[in-house]
């Protein structure tokens, strides 16, 4: 899918030398692809880079990456890490809240 989008973008850019509207179409195509076309790829890459918690929730949630459930899971996981940080490092967390 990515190869088709990239080749389509190249064609639109080449056509854009005669008419700049094609460049806008190329940008719109890339934008739509980045927002909606890479759902599975972006979820797996962002899940693996989140640290030790990435492996535990990778297969547990069957929700789509853009769904509210996935958002809620990420929010809860971040809140859990924030509470842990405040518990283990009270002086740093107080200093950060003052700033």
PDB file of N, CA and C in Angstrom:
ATOM      1  N   UNK A   1       0.828  -1.196   0.000  1.00  0.00           N
ATOM      2  CA  UNK A   1       0.000   0.000   0.000  1.00  0.00           C
ATOM      3  C   UNK A   1       0.863   1.247   0.000  1.00  0.00           C
ATOM      4  N   UNK A   2       1.932   1.237   0.775  1.00  0.00           N
ATOM      5  CA  UNK A   2       2.802   2.407   0.835  1.00  0.00           C
ATOM      6  C   UNK A   2       3.486   2.685  -0.488  1.00  0.00           C
ATOM      7  N   UNK A   3       3.821   1.638  -1.225  1.00  0.00           N
ATOM      8  CA  UNK A   3       4.469   1.818  -2.531  1.00  0.00           C
ATOM      9  C   UNK A   3       3.525   2.488  -3.510  1.00  0.00           C
ATOM     10  N   UNK A   4       2.266   2.107  -3.472  1.00  0.00           N
ATOM     11  CA  UNK A   4       1.279   2.717  -4.367  1.00  0.00           C
ATOM     12  C   UNK A   4       1.100   4.191  -4.025  1.00  0.00           C
ATOM     13  N   UNK A   5       1.016   4.504  -2.754  1.00  0.00           N
ATOM     14  CA  UNK A   5       0.836   5.895  -2.343  1.00  0.00           C
ATOM     15  C   UNK A   5       2.054   6.724  -2.720  1.00  0.00           C
ATOM     16  N   UNK A   6       3.250   6.187  -2.485  1.00  0.00           N
ATOM     17  CA  UNK A   6       4.453   6.942  -2.835  1.00  0.00           C
ATOM     18  C   UNK A   6       4.587   7.149  -4.340  1.00  0.00           C
ATOM     19  N   UNK A   7       4.283   6.122  -5.136  1.00  0.00           N
ATOM     20  CA  UNK A   7       4.366   6.298  -6.587  1.00  0.00           C
ATOM     21  C   UNK A   7       3.298   7.268  -7.071  1.00  0.00           C
ATOM     22  N   UNK A   8       2.112   7.216  -6.484  1.00  0.00           N
ATOM     23  CA  UNK A   8       1.070   8.189  -6.833  1.00  0.00           C
ATOM     24  C   UNK A   8       1.475   9.603  -6.470  1.00  0.00           C
ATOM     25  N   UNK A   9       2.156   9.759  -5.345  1.00  0.00           N
ATOM     26  CA  UNK A   9       2.633  11.081  -4.935  1.00  0.00           C
ATOM     27  C   UNK A   9       3.683  11.597  -5.902  1.00  0.00           C
ATOM     28  N   UNK A  10       4.588  10.731  -6.335  1.00  0.00           N
ATOM     29  CA  UNK A  10       5.621  11.141  -7.296  1.00  0.00           C
ATOM     30  C   UNK A  10       4.982  11.586  -8.604  1.00  0.00           C
ATOM     31  N   UNK A  11       3.975  10.839  -9.063  1.00  0.00           N
ATOM     32  CA  UNK A  11       3.284  11.212 -10.303  1.00  0.00           C
ATOM     33  C   UNK A  11       2.596  12.566 -10.142  1.00  0.00           C
ATOM     34  N   UNK A  12       1.950  12.781  -8.998  1.00  0.00           N
ATOM     35  CA  UNK A  12       1.273  14.061  -8.779  1.00  0.00           C
ATOM     36  C   UNK A  12       2.272  15.215  -8.695  1.00  0.00           C
ATOM     37  N   UNK A  13       3.443  14.974  -8.108  1.00  0.00           N
ATOM     38  CA  UNK A  13       4.464  16.025  -8.039  1.00  0.00           C
ATOM     39  C   UNK A  13       4.989  16.348  -9.437  1.00  0.00           C
ATOM     40  N   UNK A  14       5.190  15.316 -10.251  1.00  0.00           N
ATOM     41  CA  UNK A  14       5.662  15.557 -11.625  1.00  0.00           C
ATOM     42  C   UNK A  14       4.619  16.345 -12.409  1.00  0.00           C
ATOM     43  N   UNK A  15       3.349  15.975 -12.245  1.00  0.00           N
ATOM     44  CA  UNK A  15       2.291  16.734 -12.909  1.00  0.00           C
ATOM     45  C   UNK A  15       2.193  18.161 -12.359  1.00  0.00           C
ATOM     46  N   UNK A  16       2.632  18.346 -11.131  1.00  0.00           N
ATOM     47  CA  UNK A  16       2.540  19.651 -10.486  1.00  0.00           C
ATOM     48  C   UNK A  16       3.436  20.710 -11.082  1.00  0.00           C
ATOM     49  N   UNK A  17       4.432  20.320 -11.885  1.00  0.00           N
ATOM     50  CA  UNK A  17       5.271  21.340 -12.508  1.00  0.00           C
ATOM     51  C   UNK A  17       4.482  22.155 -13.519  1.00  0.00           C
ATOM     52  N   UNK A  18       3.417  21.570 -14.093  1.00  0.00           N
ATOM     53  CA  UNK A  18       2.580  22.310 -15.029  1.00  0.00           C
ATOM     54  C   UNK A  18       1.418  23.001 -14.346  1.00  0.00           C
ATOM     55  N   UNK A  19       0.906  22.397 -13.299  1.00  0.00           N
ATOM     56  CA  UNK A  19      -0.248  22.944 -12.601  1.00  0.00           C
ATOM     57  C   UNK A  19      -0.055  22.675 -11.109  1.00  0.00           C
ATOM     58  N   UNK A  20       0.039  23.705 -10.321  1.00  0.00           N
ATOM     59  CA  UNK A  20       0.372  23.558  -8.903  1.00  0.00           C
ATOM     60  C   UNK A  20      -0.743  22.906  -8.092  1.00  0.00           C
ATOM     61  N   UNK A  21      -1.912  22.770  -8.665  1.00  0.00           N
ATOM     62  CA  UNK A  21      -3.003  22.096  -7.957  1.00  0.00           C
ATOM     63  C   UNK A  21      -2.663  20.625  -7.715  1.00  0.00           C
ATOM     64  N   UNK A  22      -1.882  20.038  -8.614  1.00  0.00           N
ATOM     65  CA  UNK A  22      -1.482  18.641  -8.431  1.00  0.00           C
ATOM     66  C   UNK A  22      -0.590  18.483  -7.196  1.00  0.00           C
ATOM     67  N   UNK A  23       0.192  19.511  -6.883  1.00  0.00           N
ATOM     68  CA  UNK A  23       1.019  19.439  -5.670  1.00  0.00           C
ATOM     69  C   UNK A  23       0.136  19.399  -4.427  1.00  0.00           C
ATOM     70  N   UNK A  24      -0.922  20.180  -4.455  1.00  0.00           N
ATOM     71  CA  UNK A  24      -1.856  20.144  -3.328  1.00  0.00           C
ATOM     72  C   UNK A  24      -2.503  18.762  -3.210  1.00  0.00           C
ATOM     73  N   UNK A  25      -2.802  18.155  -4.356  1.00  0.00           N
ATOM     74  CA  UNK A  25      -3.369  16.802  -4.329  1.00  0.00           C
ATOM     75  C   UNK A  25      -2.356  15.810  -3.751  1.00  0.00           C
ATOM     76  N   UNK A  26      -1.074  15.974  -4.074  1.00  0.00           N
ATOM     77  CA  UNK A  26      -0.041  15.087  -3.534  1.00  0.00           C
ATOM     78  C   UNK A  26       0.067  15.238  -2.018  1.00  0.00           C
ATOM     79  N   UNK A  27       0.017  16.466  -1.543  1.00  0.00           N
ATOM     80  CA  UNK A  27       0.078  16.704  -0.099  1.00  0.00           C
ATOM     81  C   UNK A  27      -1.151  16.107   0.581  1.00  0.00           C
ATOM     82  N   UNK A  28      -2.326  16.285  -0.039  1.00  0.00           N
ATOM     83  CA  UNK A  28      -3.545  15.722   0.538  1.00  0.00           C
ATOM     84  C   UNK A  28      -3.477  14.202   0.570  1.00  0.00           C
ATOM     85  N   UNK A  29      -2.937  13.588  -0.473  1.00  0.00           N
ATOM     86  CA  UNK A  29      -2.793  12.136  -0.508  1.00  0.00           C
ATOM     87  C   UNK A  29      -1.881  11.646   0.614  1.00  0.00           C
ATOM     88  N   UNK A  30      -0.752  12.317   0.812  1.00  0.00           N
ATOM     89  CA  UNK A  30       0.152  11.925   1.900  1.00  0.00           C
ATOM     90  C   UNK A  30      -0.490  12.126   3.266  1.00  0.00           C
ATOM     91  N   UNK A  31      -1.235  13.217   3.405  1.00  0.00           N
ATOM     92  CA  UNK A  31      -1.898  13.474   4.674  1.00  0.00           C
ATOM     93  C   UNK A  31      -2.915  12.380   4.992  1.00  0.00           C
ATOM     94  N   UNK A  32      -3.744  12.031   4.027  1.00  0.00           N
ATOM     95  CA  UNK A  32      -4.748  10.994   4.248  1.00  0.00           C
ATOM     96  C   UNK A  32      -4.078   9.654   4.537  1.00  0.00           C
ATOM     97  N   UNK A  33      -3.005   9.366   3.844  1.00  0.00           N
ATOM     98  CA  UNK A  33      -2.290   8.107   4.086  1.00  0.00           C
ATOM     99  C   UNK A  33      -1.702   8.074   5.492  1.00  0.00           C
ATOM    100  N   UNK A  34      -1.115   9.179   5.927  1.00  0.00           N
ATOM    101  CA  UNK A  34      -0.518   9.205   7.264  1.00  0.00           C
ATOM    102  C   UNK A  34      -1.594   9.098   8.349  1.00  0.00           C
ATOM    103  N   UNK A  35      -2.759   9.686   8.123  1.00  0.00           N
ATOM    104  CA  UNK A  35      -3.806   9.669   9.132  1.00  0.00           C
ATOM    105  C   UNK A  35      -4.536   8.334   9.201  1.00  0.00           C
ATOM    106  N   UNK A  36      -4.879   7.767   8.049  1.00  0.00           N
ATOM    107  CA  UNK A  36      -5.766   6.617   8.037  1.00  0.00           C
ATOM    108  C   UNK A  36      -5.150   5.349   7.452  1.00  0.00           C
ATOM    109  N   UNK A  37      -4.186   5.479   6.572  1.00  0.00           N
ATOM    110  CA  UNK A  37      -3.687   4.318   5.859  1.00  0.00           C
ATOM    111  C   UNK A  37      -2.695   3.486   6.627  1.00  0.00           C
ATOM    112  N   UNK A  38      -2.015   4.054   7.600  1.00  0.00           N
ATOM    113  CA  UNK A  38      -0.964   3.337   8.315  1.00  0.00           C
ATOM    114  C   UNK A  38      -1.413   2.922   9.700  1.00  0.00           C
ATOM    115  N   UNK A  39      -2.665   2.644   9.906  1.00  0.00           N
ATOM    116  CA  UNK A  39      -3.189   2.311  11.232  1.00  0.00           C
ATOM    117  C   UNK A  39      -2.470   1.161  11.897  1.00  0.00           C
ATOM    118  N   UNK A  40      -2.290   0.035  11.212  1.00  0.00           N
ATOM    119  CA  UNK A  40      -1.637  -1.121  11.814  1.00  0.00           C
ATOM    120  C   UNK A  40      -0.164  -0.909  12.028  1.00  0.00           C
ATOM    121  N   UNK A  41       0.516  -0.252  11.088  1.00  0.00           N
ATOM    122  CA  UNK A  41       1.958  -0.067  11.195  1.00  0.00           C
ATOM    123  C   UNK A  41       2.312   0.918  12.295  1.00  0.00           C
ATOM    124  N   UNK A  42       1.540   2.002  12.437  1.00  0.00           N
ATOM    125  CA  UNK A  42       1.885   2.986  13.458  1.00  0.00           C
ATOM    126  C   UNK A  42       1.594   2.458  14.856  1.00  0.00           C
ATOM    127  N   UNK A  43       0.591   1.614  15.001  1.00  0.00           N
ATOM    128  CA  UNK A  43       0.283   1.079  16.325  1.00  0.00           C
ATOM    129  C   UNK A  43       1.377   0.134  16.791  1.00  0.00           C
ATOM    130  N   UNK A  44       1.905  -0.682  15.882  1.00  0.00           N
ATOM    131  CA  UNK A  44       2.935  -1.619  16.311  1.00  0.00           C
ATOM    132  C   UNK A  44       4.249  -0.914  16.583  1.00  0.00           C
ATOM    133  N   UNK A  45       4.554   0.133  15.837  1.00  0.00           N
ATOM    134  CA  UNK A  45       5.820   0.819  16.085  1.00  0.00           C
ATOM    135  C   UNK A  45       5.743   1.680  17.332  1.00  0.00           C
ATOM    136  N   UNK A  46       4.600   2.322  17.600  1.00  0.00           N
ATOM    137  CA  UNK A  46       4.519   3.133  18.803  1.00  0.00           C
ATOM    138  C   UNK A  46       4.363   2.272  20.041  1.00  0.00           C
ATOM    139  N   UNK A  47       3.774   1.100  19.927  1.00  0.00           N
ATOM    140  CA  UNK A  47       3.622   0.231  21.087  1.00  0.00           C
ATOM    141  C   UNK A  47       4.942  -0.333  21.536  1.00  0.00           C
ATOM    142  N   UNK A  48       5.851  -0.617  20.611  1.00  0.00           N
ATOM    143  CA  UNK A  48       7.126  -1.203  20.983  1.00  0.00           C
ATOM    144  C   UNK A  48       8.083  -0.214  21.575  1.00  0.00           C
ATOM    145  N   UNK A  49       7.915   1.068  21.301  1.00  0.00           N
ATOM    146  CA  UNK A  49       8.869   2.056  21.789  1.00  0.00           C
ATOM    147  C   UNK A  49       8.447   2.677  23.107  1.00  0.00           C
ATOM    148  N   UNK A  50       7.338   2.236  23.695  1.00  0.00           N
ATOM    149  CA  UNK A  50       6.873   2.878  24.909  1.00  0.00           C
ATOM    150  C   UNK A  50       7.527   2.307  26.155  1.00  0.00           C
ATOM    151  N   UNK A  51       8.469   1.437  26.016  1.00  0.00           N
ATOM    152  CA  UNK A  51       9.201   0.956  27.169  1.00  0.00           C
ATOM    153  C   UNK A  51       8.713  -0.391  27.631  1.00  0.00           C
ATOM    154  N   UNK A  52       8.859  -0.665  28.936  1.00  0.00           N
ATOM    155  CA  UNK A  52       8.537  -1.980  29.453  1.00  0.00           C
ATOM    156  C   UNK A  52       7.054  -2.306  29.370  1.00  0.00           C
ATOM    157  N   UNK A  53       6.188  -1.316  29.307  1.00  0.00           N
ATOM    158  CA  UNK A  53       4.763  -1.599  29.285  1.00  0.00           C
ATOM    159  C   UNK A  53       4.276  -1.948  27.895  1.00  0.00           C
ATOM    160  N   UNK A  54       5.076  -1.778  26.850  1.00  0.00           N
ATOM    161  CA  UNK A  54       4.641  -2.041  25.486  1.00  0.00           C
ATOM    162  C   UNK A  54       4.312  -3.490  25.243  1.00  0.00           C
ATOM    163  N   UNK A  55       5.058  -4.419  25.806  1.00  0.00           N
ATOM    164  CA  UNK A  55       4.815  -5.824  25.572  1.00  0.00           C
ATOM    165  C   UNK A  55       3.587  -6.347  26.285  1.00  0.00           C
ATOM    166  N   UNK A  56       3.239  -5.788  27.416  1.00  0.00           N
ATOM    167  CA  UNK A  56       2.118  -6.314  28.169  1.00  0.00           C
ATOM    168  C   UNK A  56       0.785  -5.943  27.558  1.00  0.00           C
ATOM    169  N   UNK A  57       0.685  -4.803  26.891  1.00  0.00           N
ATOM    170  CA  UNK A  57      -0.598  -4.400  26.346  1.00  0.00           C
ATOM    171  C   UNK A  57      -0.670  -4.576  24.843  1.00  0.00           C
ATOM    172  N   UNK A  58       0.373  -5.079  24.212  1.00  0.00           N
ATOM    173  CA  UNK A  58       0.374  -5.200  22.762  1.00  0.00           C
ATOM    174  C   UNK A  58      -0.691  -6.137  22.249  1.00  0.00           C
ATOM    175  N   UNK A  59      -0.859  -7.310  22.842  1.00  0.00           N
ATOM    176  CA  UNK A  59      -1.848  -8.250  22.369  1.00  0.00           C
ATOM    177  C   UNK A  59      -3.130  -8.218  23.174  1.00  0.00           C
ATOM    178  N   UNK A  60      -3.163  -7.501  24.265  1.00  0.00           N
ATOM    179  CA  UNK A  60      -4.329  -7.494  25.121  1.00  0.00           C
ATOM    180  C   UNK A  60      -5.489  -6.707  24.561  1.00  0.00           C
ATOM    181  N   UNK A  61      -5.227  -5.661  23.836  1.00  0.00           N
ATOM    182  CA  UNK A  61      -6.287  -4.818  23.331  1.00  0.00           C
ATOM    183  C   UNK A  61      -6.537  -5.105  21.864  1.00  0.00           C
ATOM    184  N   UNK A  62      -7.766  -5.430  21.518  1.00  0.00           N
ATOM    185  CA  UNK A  62      -8.113  -5.688  20.136  1.00  0.00           C
ATOM    186  C   UNK A  62      -8.691  -4.466  19.459  1.00  0.00           C
ATOM    187  N   UNK A  63      -8.590  -3.296  20.081  1.00  0.00           N
ATOM    188  CA  UNK A  63      -9.195  -2.087  19.539  1.00  0.00           C
ATOM    189  C   UNK A  63      -8.342  -1.507  18.422  1.00  0.00           C
ATOM    190  N   UNK A  64      -8.998  -0.768  17.555  1.00  0.00           N
ATOM    191  CA  UNK A  64      -8.286  -0.082  16.482  1.00  0.00           C
ATOM    192  C   UNK A  64      -7.448   1.034  17.080  1.00  0.00           C
ATOM    193  N   UNK A  65      -6.316   1.401  16.446  1.00  0.00           N
ATOM    194  CA  UNK A  65      -5.423   2.393  17.031  1.00  0.00           C
ATOM    195  C   UNK A  65      -6.071   3.759  17.213  1.00  0.00           C
ATOM    196  N   UNK A  66      -7.032   4.107  16.389  1.00  0.00           N
ATOM    197  CA  UNK A  66      -7.653   5.420  16.501  1.00  0.00           C
ATOM    198  C   UNK A  66      -8.904   5.427  17.347  1.00  0.00           C
ATOM    199  N   UNK A  67      -9.249   4.324  17.987  1.00  0.00           N
ATOM    200  CA  UNK A  67     -10.503   4.259  18.732  1.00  0.00           C
ATOM    201  C   UNK A  67     -10.354   4.883  20.118  1.00  0.00           C
ATOM    202  N   UNK A  68     -11.485   5.137  20.717  1.00  0.00           N
ATOM    203  CA  UNK A  68     -11.490   5.722  22.052  1.00  0.00           C
ATOM    204  C   UNK A  68     -10.921   4.755  23.072  1.00  0.00           C
ATOM    205  N   UNK A  69     -11.158   3.458  22.873  1.00  0.00           N
ATOM    206  CA  UNK A  69     -10.635   2.465  23.814  1.00  0.00           C
ATOM    207  C   UNK A  69      -9.114   2.466  23.826  1.00  0.00           C
ATOM    208  N   UNK A  70      -8.502   2.576  22.635  1.00  0.00           N
ATOM    209  CA  UNK A  70      -7.042   2.618  22.567  1.00  0.00           C
ATOM    210  C   UNK A  70      -6.519   3.889  23.232  1.00  0.00           C
ATOM    211  N   UNK A  71      -7.226   4.993  23.020  1.00  0.00           N
ATOM    212  CA  UNK A  71      -6.839   6.250  23.674  1.00  0.00           C
ATOM    213  C   UNK A  71      -6.920   6.103  25.181  1.00  0.00           C
ATOM    214  N   UNK A  72      -7.997   5.506  25.668  1.00  0.00           N
ATOM    215  CA  UNK A  72      -8.178   5.341  27.105  1.00  0.00           C
ATOM    216  C   UNK A  72      -7.101   4.440  27.697  1.00  0.00           C
ATOM    217  N   UNK A  73      -6.736   3.398  26.956  1.00  0.00           N
ATOM    218  CA  UNK A  73      -5.666   2.512  27.428  1.00  0.00           C
ATOM    219  C   UNK A  73      -4.338   3.253  27.534  1.00  0.00           C
ATOM    220  N   UNK A  74      -4.027   4.056  26.504  1.00  0.00           N
ATOM    221  CA  UNK A  74      -2.778   4.838  26.559  1.00  0.00           C
ATOM    222  C   UNK A  74      -2.809   5.848  27.698  1.00  0.00           C
ATOM    223  N   UNK A  75      -3.955   6.506  27.897  1.00  0.00           N
ATOM    224  CA  UNK A  75      -4.079   7.494  28.966  1.00  0.00           C
ATOM    225  C   UNK A  75      -3.915   6.841  30.337  1.00  0.00           C
ATOM    226  N   UNK A  76      -4.544   5.681  30.526  1.00  0.00           N
ATOM    227  CA  UNK A  76      -4.433   4.993  31.810  1.00  0.00           C
ATOM    228  C   UNK A  76      -3.010   4.515  32.069  1.00  0.00           C
ATOM    229  N   UNK A  77      -2.356   4.038  31.016  1.00  0.00           N
ATOM    230  CA  UNK A  77      -0.976   3.580  31.159  1.00  0.00           C
ATOM    231  C   UNK A  77      -0.058   4.751  31.524  1.00  0.00           C
ATOM    232  N   UNK A  78      -0.288   5.915  30.884  1.00  0.00           N
ATOM    233  CA  UNK A  78       0.526   7.091  31.205  1.00  0.00           C
ATOM    234  C   UNK A  78       0.271   7.542  32.638  1.00  0.00           C
ATOM    235  N   UNK A  79      -0.986   7.517  33.077  1.00  0.00           N
ATOM    236  CA  UNK A  79      -1.308   7.907  34.450  1.00  0.00           C
ATOM    237  C   UNK A  79      -0.647   6.962  35.442  1.00  0.00           C
ATOM    238  N   UNK A  80      -0.605   5.685  35.111  1.00  0.00           N
ATOM    239  CA  UNK A  80       0.043   4.703  35.990  1.00  0.00           C
ATOM    240  C   UNK A  80       1.530   5.013  36.133  1.00  0.00           C
ATOM    241  N   UNK A  81       2.192   5.321  34.995  1.00  0.00           N
ATOM    242  CA  UNK A  81       3.612   5.647  35.051  1.00  0.00           C
ATOM    243  C   UNK A  81       3.851   6.964  35.793  1.00  0.00           C
ATOM    244  N   UNK A  82       2.935   7.932  35.641  1.00  0.00           N
ATOM    245  CA  UNK A  82       3.084   9.199  36.357  1.00  0.00           C
ATOM    246  C   UNK A  82       2.961   8.999  37.862  1.00  0.00           C
ATOM    247  N   UNK A  83       1.990   8.186  38.274  1.00  0.00           N
ATOM    248  CA  UNK A  83       1.849   7.919  39.715  1.00  0.00           C
ATOM    249  C   UNK A  83       3.078   7.217  40.268  1.00  0.00           C
ATOM    250  N   UNK A  84       3.598   6.264  39.487  1.00  0.00           N
ATOM    251  CA  UNK A  84       4.796   5.550  39.928  1.00  0.00           C
ATOM    252  C   UNK A  84       5.980   6.503  40.058  1.00  0.00           C
ATOM    253  N   UNK A  85       6.129   7.414  39.100  1.00  0.00           N
ATOM    254  CA  UNK A  85       7.231   8.375  39.140  1.00  0.00           C
ATOM    255  C   UNK A  85       7.106   9.276  40.363  1.00  0.00           C
ATOM    256  N   UNK A  86       5.885   9.768  40.628  1.00  0.00           N
ATOM    257  CA  UNK A  86       5.697  10.636  41.790  1.00  0.00           C
ATOM    258  C   UNK A  86       5.951   9.894  43.091  1.00  0.00           C
ATOM    259  N   UNK A  87       5.588   8.611  43.124  1.00  0.00           N
ATOM    260  CA  UNK A  87       5.796   7.820  44.334  1.00  0.00           C
ATOM    261  C   UNK A  87       7.281   7.548  44.572  1.00  0.00           C
ATOM    262  N   UNK A  88       8.028   7.226  43.497  1.00  0.00           N
ATOM    263  CA  UNK A  88       9.432   6.866  43.647  1.00  0.00           C
ATOM    264  C   UNK A  88      10.351   8.079  43.728  1.00  0.00           C
ATOM    265  N   UNK A  89       9.941   9.208  43.192  1.00  0.00           N
ATOM    266  CA  UNK A  89      10.788  10.409  43.184  1.00  0.00           C
ATOM    267  C   UNK A  89       9.987  11.626  43.646  1.00  0.00           C
ATOM    268  N   UNK A  90       9.676  11.700  44.932  1.00  0.00           N
ATOM    269  CA  UNK A  90       8.806  12.799  45.402  1.00  0.00           C
ATOM    270  C   UNK A  90       9.447  14.177  45.262  1.00  0.00           C
ATOM    271  N   UNK A  91      10.753  14.279  45.464  1.00  0.00           N
ATOM    272  CA  UNK A  91      11.382  15.598  45.378  1.00  0.00           C
ATOM    273  C   UNK A  91      11.370  16.135  43.957  1.00  0.00           C
ATOM    274  N   UNK A  92      11.683  15.278  42.977  1.00  0.00           N
ATOM    275  CA  UNK A  92      11.677  15.727  41.587  1.00  0.00           C
ATOM    276  C   UNK A  92      10.276  16.089  41.122  1.00  0.00           C
ATOM    277  N   UNK A  93       9.287  15.309  41.534  1.00  0.00           N
ATOM    278  CA  UNK A  93       7.926  15.583  41.090  1.00  0.00           C
ATOM    279  C   UNK A  93       7.412  16.904  41.678  1.00  0.00           C
ATOM    280  N   UNK A  94       7.764  17.216  42.950  1.00  0.00           N
ATOM    281  CA  UNK A  94       7.372  18.493  43.528  1.00  0.00           C
ATOM    282  C   UNK A  94       8.055  19.654  42.832  1.00  0.00           C
ATOM    283  N   UNK A  95       9.336  19.456  42.487  1.00  0.00           N
ATOM    284  CA  UNK A  95      10.057  20.524  41.778  1.00  0.00           C
ATOM    285  C   UNK A  95       9.451  20.774  40.410  1.00  0.00           C
ATOM    286  N   UNK A  96       9.054  19.705  39.727  1.00  0.00           N
ATOM    287  CA  UNK A  96       8.460  19.870  38.397  1.00  0.00           C
ATOM    288  C   UNK A  96       7.087  20.539  38.462  1.00  0.00           C
ATOM    289  N   UNK A  97       6.317  20.299  39.510  1.00  0.00           N
ATOM    290  CA  UNK A  97       5.009  20.942  39.620  1.00  0.00           C
ATOM    291  C   UNK A  97       5.163  22.429  39.925  1.00  0.00           C
ATOM    292  N   UNK A  98       6.255  22.814  40.602  1.00  0.00           N
ATOM    293  CA  UNK A  98       6.472  24.250  40.873  1.00  0.00           C
ATOM    294  C   UNK A  98       6.854  24.995  39.605  1.00  0.00           C
ATOM    295  N   UNK A  99       7.522  24.339  38.672  1.00  0.00           N
ATOM    296  CA  UNK A  99       7.996  25.005  37.451  1.00  0.00           C
ATOM    297  C   UNK A  99       6.944  25.206  36.446  1.00  0.00           C
TER     298      UNK A  99
END
